[in-house]
Amino acid sequence: MKWFGFILIPCLFSACAHTATTTGKGPAPAEFKLSSLAKTEVDQIADLHLQASLEHLRVLTEKLYRRNPHEWKKTGQPSLQAAVARIFDGEFKQSFAELDHKRGIEALYLAFQEDFQGDRVLALSWGLTTMTLAAYNDTTDFYAWDDLDPQKLYNAARNYEIAIWKLSSNRDSQGQVYLLSNEINGEERNLSFEREFGKLLAEHDMMAKIVANRTNRTIVRMVQNVAAAFFIPLSAIPK
């Protein structure tokens, strides 16, 4: 009977894989993979939330470049699309010399430093993107043995709030914002940037709650004046 079991199990996997790609009408479901057996429902949700967040960040980056085309031209990029692609279509383990190889929060601060002469959209987008990845332990494919920290996800959401405020409020010595984003001009209102940030906030706050419930951990919530706030290290416990 033991030998029968060894024969049966591969056959079942083969049948599952065959069924997943050939049955039913319309587009075929995703092909069955043995690695999916190591994924819990929370892991699958984490996959989806991270991919959605990266897509929101890409949209946000494109919008910022459209409103601030002089920024992508600083680095000699041939087009706006090329400037976006160099952030999202490469390896996220890469680094940018024009940002002094900084990532996460350190890169974010460059976008709001008056003496910074580089691409401010790159600094903001790369900072937010690598911060987001760090909140997910720098992985894009989750399994049962992965241990996400709800506090990191919560802190990342708060940093999005701070970034929203800095975009509209931080100004240089000439009184100009560092990057154009939302626009309210008479009866015209362009709040598309705020909406993208809102989606990112929702993704991270929801994922933080899901992970906290799964692991029975407590999220230390923070009450602060966003206008006076610094970006929060992901591992920090708010006071």
C-alpha atoms as a PDB file:
ATOM      1  CA  MET A   1       0.000   0.000   0.000  1.00  0.00           C
ATOM      2  CA  LYS A   2       2.906   2.374   0.604  1.00  0.00           C
ATOM      3  CA  TRP A   3       4.087   2.076  -2.975  1.00  0.00           C
ATOM      4  CA  PHE A   4       0.530   2.748  -4.136  1.00  0.00           C
ATOM      5  CA  GLY A   5       0.476   6.014  -2.170  1.00  0.00           C
ATOM      6  CA  PHE A   6       3.714   7.196  -3.770  1.00  0.00           C
ATOM      7  CA  ILE A   7       2.249   6.554  -7.193  1.00  0.00           C
ATOM      8  CA  LEU A   8      -1.106   8.129  -6.359  1.00  0.00           C
ATOM      9  CA  ILE A   9       0.201  11.462  -5.021  1.00  0.00           C
ATOM     10  CA  PRO A  10       2.099  12.513  -8.193  1.00  0.00           C
ATOM     11  CA  CYS A  11      -0.908  11.429 -10.227  1.00  0.00           C
ATOM     12  CA  LEU A  12      -3.160  13.658  -8.152  1.00  0.00           C
ATOM     13  CA  PHE A  13      -0.824  16.622  -8.616  1.00  0.00           C
ATOM     14  CA  SER A  14      -0.706  15.924 -12.342  1.00  0.00           C
ATOM     15  CA  ALA A  15      -4.488  15.704 -12.516  1.00  0.00           C
ATOM     16  CA  CYS A  16      -4.857  18.959 -10.590  1.00  0.00           C
ATOM     17  CA  ALA A  17      -2.439  20.733 -12.906  1.00  0.00           C
ATOM     18  CA  HIS A  18      -4.189  19.323 -15.981  1.00  0.00           C
ATOM     19  CA  THR A  19      -7.650  20.225 -14.688  1.00  0.00           C
ATOM     20  CA  ALA A  20      -6.640  23.756 -13.756  1.00  0.00           C
ATOM     21  CA  THR A  21      -5.586  24.538 -17.320  1.00  0.00           C
ATOM     22  CA  THR A  22      -8.078  22.655 -19.456  1.00  0.00           C
ATOM     23  CA  THR A  23     -11.533  22.621 -17.850  1.00  0.00           C
ATOM     24  CA  GLY A  24     -14.264  25.206 -18.099  1.00  0.00           C
ATOM     25  CA  LYS A  25     -14.930  27.927 -20.647  1.00  0.00           C
ATOM     26  CA  GLY A  26     -13.305  31.301 -21.080  1.00  0.00           C
ATOM     27  CA  PRO A  27      -9.771  32.184 -19.894  1.00  0.00           C
ATOM     28  CA  ALA A  28      -7.982  29.257 -18.265  1.00  0.00           C
ATOM     29  CA  PRO A  29      -7.348  29.555 -14.527  1.00  0.00           C
ATOM     30  CA  ALA A  30      -3.796  30.027 -13.305  1.00  0.00           C
ATOM     31  CA  GLU A  31      -1.700  26.873 -13.658  1.00  0.00           C
ATOM     32  CA  PHE A  32      -1.460  24.803 -10.517  1.00  0.00           C
ATOM     33  CA  LYS A  33       1.939  25.045  -8.818  1.00  0.00           C
ATOM     34  CA  LEU A  34       3.277  22.859  -6.047  1.00  0.00           C
ATOM     35  CA  SER A  35       4.629  26.007  -4.334  1.00  0.00           C
ATOM     36  CA  SER A  36       1.053  27.197  -3.815  1.00  0.00           C
ATOM     37  CA  LEU A  37       0.574  24.393  -1.294  1.00  0.00           C
ATOM     38  CA  ALA A  38       2.923  26.308   1.030  1.00  0.00           C
ATOM     39  CA  LYS A  39       0.765  29.437   0.908  1.00  0.00           C
ATOM     40  CA  THR A  40      -1.876  30.249   3.487  1.00  0.00           C
ATOM     41  CA  GLU A  41      -4.815  32.516   2.700  1.00  0.00           C
ATOM     42  CA  VAL A  42      -2.969  35.389   4.408  1.00  0.00           C
ATOM     43  CA  ASP A  43       0.085  34.763   2.220  1.00  0.00           C
ATOM     44  CA  GLN A  44      -2.063  34.979  -0.884  1.00  0.00           C
ATOM     45  CA  ILE A  45      -3.667  38.167   0.412  1.00  0.00           C
ATOM     46  CA  ALA A  46      -0.201  39.618   1.110  1.00  0.00           C
ATOM     47  CA  ASP A  47       0.806  38.834  -2.485  1.00  0.00           C
ATOM     48  CA  LEU A  48      -2.221  40.713  -3.786  1.00  0.00           C
ATOM     49  CA  HIS A  49      -1.867  43.690  -1.444  1.00  0.00           C
ATOM     50  CA  LEU A  50       1.806  44.196  -2.275  1.00  0.00           C
ATOM     51  CA  GLN A  51       1.250  43.932  -6.020  1.00  0.00           C
ATOM     52  CA  ALA A  52      -1.639  46.418  -5.766  1.00  0.00           C
ATOM     53  CA  SER A  53       0.566  48.797  -3.765  1.00  0.00           C
ATOM     54  CA  LEU A  54       3.346  48.628  -6.360  1.00  0.00           C
ATOM     55  CA  GLU A  55       0.820  49.375  -9.089  1.00  0.00           C
ATOM     56  CA  HIS A  56      -0.500  52.409  -7.162  1.00  0.00           C
ATOM     57  CA  LEU A  57       3.085  53.607  -6.728  1.00  0.00           C
ATOM     58  CA  ARG A  58       3.733  53.267 -10.441  1.00  0.00           C
ATOM     59  CA  VAL A  59       0.600  55.274 -11.273  1.00  0.00           C
ATOM     60  CA  LEU A  60       1.583  57.893  -8.706  1.00  0.00           C
ATOM     61  CA  THR A  61       5.099  58.150 -10.165  1.00  0.00           C
ATOM     62  CA  GLU A  62       3.757  58.622 -13.682  1.00  0.00           C
ATOM     63  CA  LYS A  63       1.373  61.328 -12.495  1.00  0.00           C
ATOM     64  CA  LEU A  64       4.188  63.161 -10.687  1.00  0.00           C
ATOM     65  CA  TYR A  65       6.410  63.041 -13.764  1.00  0.00           C
ATOM     66  CA  ARG A  66       3.574  64.403 -15.911  1.00  0.00           C
ATOM     67  CA  ARG A  67       3.186  67.385 -13.599  1.00  0.00           C
ATOM     68  CA  ASN A  68       6.945  67.792 -13.151  1.00  0.00           C
ATOM     69  CA  PRO A  69       8.533  66.844 -16.519  1.00  0.00           C
ATOM     70  CA  HIS A  70      11.718  68.769 -15.741  1.00  0.00           C
ATOM     71  CA  GLU A  71      12.529  66.174 -13.073  1.00  0.00           C
ATOM     72  CA  TRP A  72      12.942  63.134 -15.359  1.00  0.00           C
ATOM     73  CA  LYS A  73      14.944  65.258 -17.784  1.00  0.00           C
ATOM     74  CA  LYS A  74      17.550  65.941 -15.081  1.00  0.00           C
ATOM     75  CA  THR A  75      18.908  62.399 -15.410  1.00  0.00           C
ATOM     76  CA  GLY A  76      18.899  62.374 -19.214  1.00  0.00           C
ATOM     77  CA  GLN A  77      16.037  59.936 -19.619  1.00  0.00           C
ATOM     78  CA  PRO A  78      14.671  59.787 -23.192  1.00  0.00           C
ATOM     79  CA  SER A  79      11.024  59.865 -22.080  1.00  0.00           C
ATOM     80  CA  LEU A  80       8.660  59.887 -19.134  1.00  0.00           C
ATOM     81  CA  GLN A  81       7.948  56.204 -19.730  1.00  0.00           C
ATOM     82  CA  ALA A  82      11.650  55.383 -19.570  1.00  0.00           C
ATOM     83  CA  ALA A  83      11.964  57.263 -16.283  1.00  0.00           C
ATOM     84  CA  VAL A  84       9.105  55.232 -14.791  1.00  0.00           C
ATOM     85  CA  ALA A  85      10.428  51.958 -16.194  1.00  0.00           C
ATOM     86  CA  ARG A  86      13.878  52.364 -14.645  1.00  0.00           C
ATOM     87  CA  ILE A  87      12.199  52.362 -11.213  1.00  0.00           C
ATOM     88  CA  PHE A  88       9.634  49.595 -11.639  1.00  0.00           C
ATOM     89  CA  ASP A  89      10.833  47.349 -14.452  1.00  0.00           C
ATOM     90  CA  GLY A  90      14.249  46.521 -13.041  1.00  0.00           C
ATOM     91  CA  GLU A  91      15.430  44.732  -9.943  1.00  0.00           C
ATOM     92  CA  PHE A  92      14.273  46.410  -6.759  1.00  0.00           C
ATOM     93  CA  LYS A  93      17.663  45.527  -5.279  1.00  0.00           C
ATOM     94  CA  GLN A  94      19.261  48.063  -7.590  1.00  0.00           C
ATOM     95  CA  SER A  95      20.383  51.489  -6.395  1.00  0.00           C
ATOM     96  CA  PHE A  96      20.736  54.931  -7.970  1.00  0.00           C
ATOM     97  CA  ALA A  97      23.990  56.856  -7.796  1.00  0.00           C
ATOM     98  CA  GLU A  98      22.102  60.176  -8.125  1.00  0.00           C
ATOM     99  CA  LEU A  99      20.388  59.325  -4.834  1.00  0.00           C
ATOM    100  CA  ASP A 100      23.735  58.449  -3.265  1.00  0.00           C
ATOM    101  CA  HIS A 101      22.462  54.832  -3.271  1.00  0.00           C
ATOM    102  CA  LYS A 102      19.892  55.696  -0.594  1.00  0.00           C
ATOM    103  CA  ARG A 103      16.656  53.758  -0.125  1.00  0.00           C
ATOM    104  CA  GLY A 104      13.509  54.028   1.948  1.00  0.00           C
ATOM    105  CA  ILE A 105      13.168  56.955   4.309  1.00  0.00           C
ATOM    106  CA  GLU A 106      16.668  58.278   3.550  1.00  0.00           C
ATOM    107  CA  ALA A 107      15.719  58.627  -0.123  1.00  0.00           C
ATOM    108  CA  LEU A 108      12.385  60.230   0.799  1.00  0.00           C
ATOM    109  CA  TYR A 109      14.102  63.080   2.620  1.00  0.00           C
ATOM    110  CA  LEU A 110      16.087  63.981  -0.510  1.00  0.00           C
ATOM    111  CA  ALA A 111      12.866  64.930  -2.308  1.00  0.00           C
ATOM    112  CA  PHE A 112      12.301  67.736   0.215  1.00  0.00           C
ATOM    113  CA  GLN A 113      15.859  69.022   0.669  1.00  0.00           C
ATOM    114  CA  GLU A 114      16.408  72.398  -0.965  1.00  0.00           C
ATOM    115  CA  ASP A 115      20.031  71.712  -1.875  1.00  0.00           C
ATOM    116  CA  PHE A 116      19.205  68.454  -3.643  1.00  0.00           C
ATOM    117  CA  GLN A 117      19.830  68.907  -7.366  1.00  0.00           C
ATOM    118  CA  GLY A 118      18.692  65.489  -8.585  1.00  0.00           C
ATOM    119  CA  ASP A 119      15.388  64.033  -9.731  1.00  0.00           C
ATOM    120  CA  ARG A 120      12.964  64.675  -6.872  1.00  0.00           C
ATOM    121  CA  VAL A 121      10.285  62.373  -8.296  1.00  0.00           C
ATOM    122  CA  LEU A 122      12.835  59.562  -8.408  1.00  0.00           C
ATOM    123  CA  ALA A 123      13.803  60.269  -4.789  1.00  0.00           C
ATOM    124  CA  LEU A 124      10.176  60.262  -3.639  1.00  0.00           C
ATOM    125  CA  SER A 125       9.069  57.267  -5.698  1.00  0.00           C
ATOM    126  CA  TRP A 126      12.134  55.143  -4.971  1.00  0.00           C
ATOM    127  CA  GLY A 127      11.901  56.035  -1.293  1.00  0.00           C
ATOM    128  CA  LEU A 128       8.229  55.068  -1.090  1.00  0.00           C
ATOM    129  CA  THR A 129       8.698  51.915  -3.172  1.00  0.00           C
ATOM    130  CA  THR A 130      11.660  50.564  -1.211  1.00  0.00           C
ATOM    131  CA  MET A 131       9.978  51.524   2.068  1.00  0.00           C
ATOM    132  CA  THR A 132       6.913  49.559   0.964  1.00  0.00           C
ATOM    133  CA  LEU A 133       9.032  46.536   0.076  1.00  0.00           C
ATOM    134  CA  ALA A 134      10.823  46.776   3.419  1.00  0.00           C
ATOM    135  CA  ALA A 135       7.449  46.698   5.189  1.00  0.00           C
ATOM    136  CA  TYR A 136       6.914  43.347   3.440  1.00  0.00           C
ATOM    137  CA  ASN A 137      10.378  42.090   4.434  1.00  0.00           C
ATOM    138  CA  ASP A 138      11.790  42.819   0.964  1.00  0.00           C
ATOM    139  CA  THR A 139      10.028  39.883  -0.637  1.00  0.00           C
ATOM    140  CA  THR A 140       7.304  39.785  -3.270  1.00  0.00           C
ATOM    141  CA  ASP A 141       6.208  36.152  -2.861  1.00  0.00           C
ATOM    142  CA  PHE A 142       4.903  35.012   0.513  1.00  0.00           C
ATOM    143  CA  TYR A 143       4.698  31.573   2.105  1.00  0.00           C
ATOM    144  CA  ALA A 144       3.550  30.081   5.400  1.00  0.00           C
ATOM    145  CA  TRP A 145       6.980  30.492   6.981  1.00  0.00           C
ATOM    146  CA  ASP A 146       7.182  34.226   6.224  1.00  0.00           C
ATOM    147  CA  ASP A 147       6.611  36.422   9.257  1.00  0.00           C
ATOM    148  CA  LEU A 148       5.209  39.848   8.449  1.00  0.00           C
ATOM    149  CA  ASP A 149       5.246  42.531  11.145  1.00  0.00           C
ATOM    150  CA  PRO A 150       1.956  44.476  11.417  1.00  0.00           C
ATOM    151  CA  GLN A 151       3.772  47.379  13.065  1.00  0.00           C
ATOM    152  CA  LYS A 152       5.945  47.858   9.973  1.00  0.00           C
ATOM    153  CA  LEU A 153       2.876  47.905   7.753  1.00  0.00           C
ATOM    154  CA  TYR A 154       1.146  50.374  10.065  1.00  0.00           C
ATOM    155  CA  ASN A 155       4.200  52.655  10.189  1.00  0.00           C
ATOM    156  CA  ALA A 156       4.474  52.573   6.396  1.00  0.00           C
ATOM    157  CA  ALA A 157       0.870  53.801   6.175  1.00  0.00           C
ATOM    158  CA  ARG A 158       1.690  56.698   8.491  1.00  0.00           C
ATOM    159  CA  ASN A 159       4.656  57.605   6.295  1.00  0.00           C
ATOM    160  CA  TYR A 160       2.297  57.853   3.321  1.00  0.00           C
ATOM    161  CA  GLU A 161       0.277  60.386   5.317  1.00  0.00           C
ATOM    162  CA  ILE A 162       3.423  62.365   6.040  1.00  0.00           C
ATOM    163  CA  ALA A 163       4.450  62.254   2.358  1.00  0.00           C
ATOM    164  CA  ILE A 164       1.027  63.615   1.332  1.00  0.00           C
ATOM    165  CA  TRP A 165       1.420  66.508   3.735  1.00  0.00           C
ATOM    166  CA  LYS A 166       5.003  67.275   2.680  1.00  0.00           C
ATOM    167  CA  LEU A 167       4.072  67.309  -1.007  1.00  0.00           C
ATOM    168  CA  SER A 168       1.493  70.035  -0.483  1.00  0.00           C
ATOM    169  CA  SER A 169       3.120  71.939   2.369  1.00  0.00           C
ATOM    170  CA  ASN A 170       6.931  71.772   2.328  1.00  0.00           C
ATOM    171  CA  ARG A 171       8.368  74.735   0.419  1.00  0.00           C
ATOM    172  CA  ASP A 172      11.756  76.068  -0.593  1.00  0.00           C
ATOM    173  CA  SER A 173      13.185  79.473   0.317  1.00  0.00           C
ATOM    174  CA  GLN A 174      11.253  81.001  -2.608  1.00  0.00           C
ATOM    175  CA  GLY A 175       7.956  79.728  -1.258  1.00  0.00           C
ATOM    176  CA  GLN A 176       7.540  77.073  -3.964  1.00  0.00           C
ATOM    177  CA  VAL A 177       6.526  73.478  -3.333  1.00  0.00           C
ATOM    178  CA  TYR A 178       9.219  70.992  -4.286  1.00  0.00           C
ATOM    179  CA  LEU A 179       6.894  68.956  -6.512  1.00  0.00           C
ATOM    180  CA  LEU A 180       3.569  69.855  -8.069  1.00  0.00           C
ATOM    181  CA  SER A 181       0.823  67.398  -7.162  1.00  0.00           C
ATOM    182  CA  ASN A 182      -2.806  68.133  -6.222  1.00  0.00           C
ATOM    183  CA  GLU A 183      -4.220  71.288  -7.721  1.00  0.00           C
ATOM    184  CA  ILE A 184      -7.122  73.449  -6.598  1.00  0.00           C
ATOM    185  CA  ASN A 185      -7.562  76.352  -9.006  1.00  0.00           C
ATOM    186  CA  GLY A 186     -10.874  78.139  -8.731  1.00  0.00           C
ATOM    187  CA  GLU A 187     -13.513  75.607  -9.717  1.00  0.00           C
ATOM    188  CA  GLU A 188     -10.904  73.119 -10.999  1.00  0.00           C
ATOM    189  CA  ARG A 189      -9.843  70.449  -8.525  1.00  0.00           C
ATOM    190  CA  ASN A 190      -7.263  67.760  -9.285  1.00  0.00           C
ATOM    191  CA  LEU A 191      -7.015  65.460  -6.301  1.00  0.00           C
ATOM    192  CA  SER A 192      -5.859  62.364  -8.179  1.00  0.00           C
ATOM    193  CA  PHE A 193      -2.601  62.235  -6.219  1.00  0.00           C
ATOM    194  CA  GLU A 194      -4.457  62.231  -2.933  1.00  0.00           C
ATOM    195  CA  ARG A 195      -6.660  59.406  -4.186  1.00  0.00           C
ATOM    196  CA  GLU A 196      -3.639  57.237  -5.073  1.00  0.00           C
ATOM    197  CA  PHE A 197      -2.115  57.869  -1.661  1.00  0.00           C
ATOM    198  CA  GLY A 198      -5.479  57.009  -0.126  1.00  0.00           C
ATOM    199  CA  LYS A 199      -5.409  53.634  -1.865  1.00  0.00           C
ATOM    200  CA  LEU A 200      -1.902  52.974  -0.534  1.00  0.00           C
ATOM    201  CA  LEU A 201      -2.993  53.914   2.976  1.00  0.00           C
ATOM    202  CA  ALA A 202      -5.982  51.578   2.774  1.00  0.00           C
ATOM    203  CA  GLU A 203      -3.840  48.690   1.480  1.00  0.00           C
ATOM    204  CA  HIS A 204      -1.342  48.977   4.336  1.00  0.00           C
ATOM    205  CA  ASP A 205      -3.794  49.630   7.149  1.00  0.00           C
ATOM    206  CA  MET A 206      -5.897  46.663   6.058  1.00  0.00           C
ATOM    207  CA  MET A 207      -2.870  44.370   5.713  1.00  0.00           C
ATOM    208  CA  ALA A 208      -1.599  45.465   9.139  1.00  0.00           C
ATOM    209  CA  LYS A 209      -4.956  44.474  10.688  1.00  0.00           C
ATOM    210  CA  ILE A 210      -5.007  41.118   8.881  1.00  0.00           C
ATOM    211  CA  VAL A 211      -1.483  40.221  10.031  1.00  0.00           C
ATOM    212  CA  ALA A 212      -2.139  41.438  13.592  1.00  0.00           C
ATOM    213  CA  ASN A 213      -5.262  39.265  13.812  1.00  0.00           C
ATOM    214  CA  ARG A 214      -3.429  36.261  12.417  1.00  0.00           C
ATOM    215  CA  THR A 215      -0.481  36.528  14.804  1.00  0.00           C
ATOM    216  CA  ASN A 216      -2.305  37.932  17.857  1.00  0.00           C
ATOM    217  CA  ARG A 217       0.018  40.927  17.895  1.00  0.00           C
ATOM    218  CA  THR A 218      -0.911  44.415  19.019  1.00  0.00           C
ATOM    219  CA  ILE A 219      -0.333  47.423  16.791  1.00  0.00           C
ATOM    220  CA  VAL A 220       0.901  50.436  18.731  1.00  0.00           C
ATOM    221  CA  ARG A 221      -1.053  53.293  17.220  1.00  0.00           C
ATOM    222  CA  MET A 222       0.274  56.789  16.961  1.00  0.00           C
ATOM    223  CA  VAL A 223      -1.285  60.197  17.473  1.00  0.00           C
ATOM    224  CA  GLN A 224       0.895  62.999  16.190  1.00  0.00           C
ATOM    225  CA  ASN A 225       0.866  66.330  14.438  1.00  0.00           C
ATOM    226  CA  VAL A 226       1.606  65.313  10.840  1.00  0.00           C
ATOM    227  CA  ALA A 227       2.777  68.842   9.999  1.00  0.00           C
ATOM    228  CA  ALA A 228       5.659  68.533  12.459  1.00  0.00           C
ATOM    229  CA  ALA A 229       6.382  64.868  11.857  1.00  0.00           C
ATOM    230  CA  PHE A 230       9.437  63.116  10.543  1.00  0.00           C
ATOM    231  CA  PHE A 231       9.170  59.917   8.573  1.00  0.00           C
ATOM    232  CA  ILE A 232       8.938  56.981  10.972  1.00  0.00           C
ATOM    233  CA  PRO A 233      11.457  54.120  10.851  1.00  0.00           C
ATOM    234  CA  LEU A 234       9.447  50.992  10.091  1.00  0.00           C
ATOM    235  CA  SER A 235      10.693  49.155  13.160  1.00  0.00           C
ATOM    236  CA  ALA A 236       9.992  52.055  15.522  1.00  0.00           C
ATOM    237  CA  ILE A 237       7.260  51.812  18.159  1.00  0.00           C
ATOM    238  CA  PRO A 238       5.313  55.111  18.136  1.00  0.00           C
ATOM    239  CA  LYS A 239       5.194  56.998  21.426  1.00  0.00           C
END
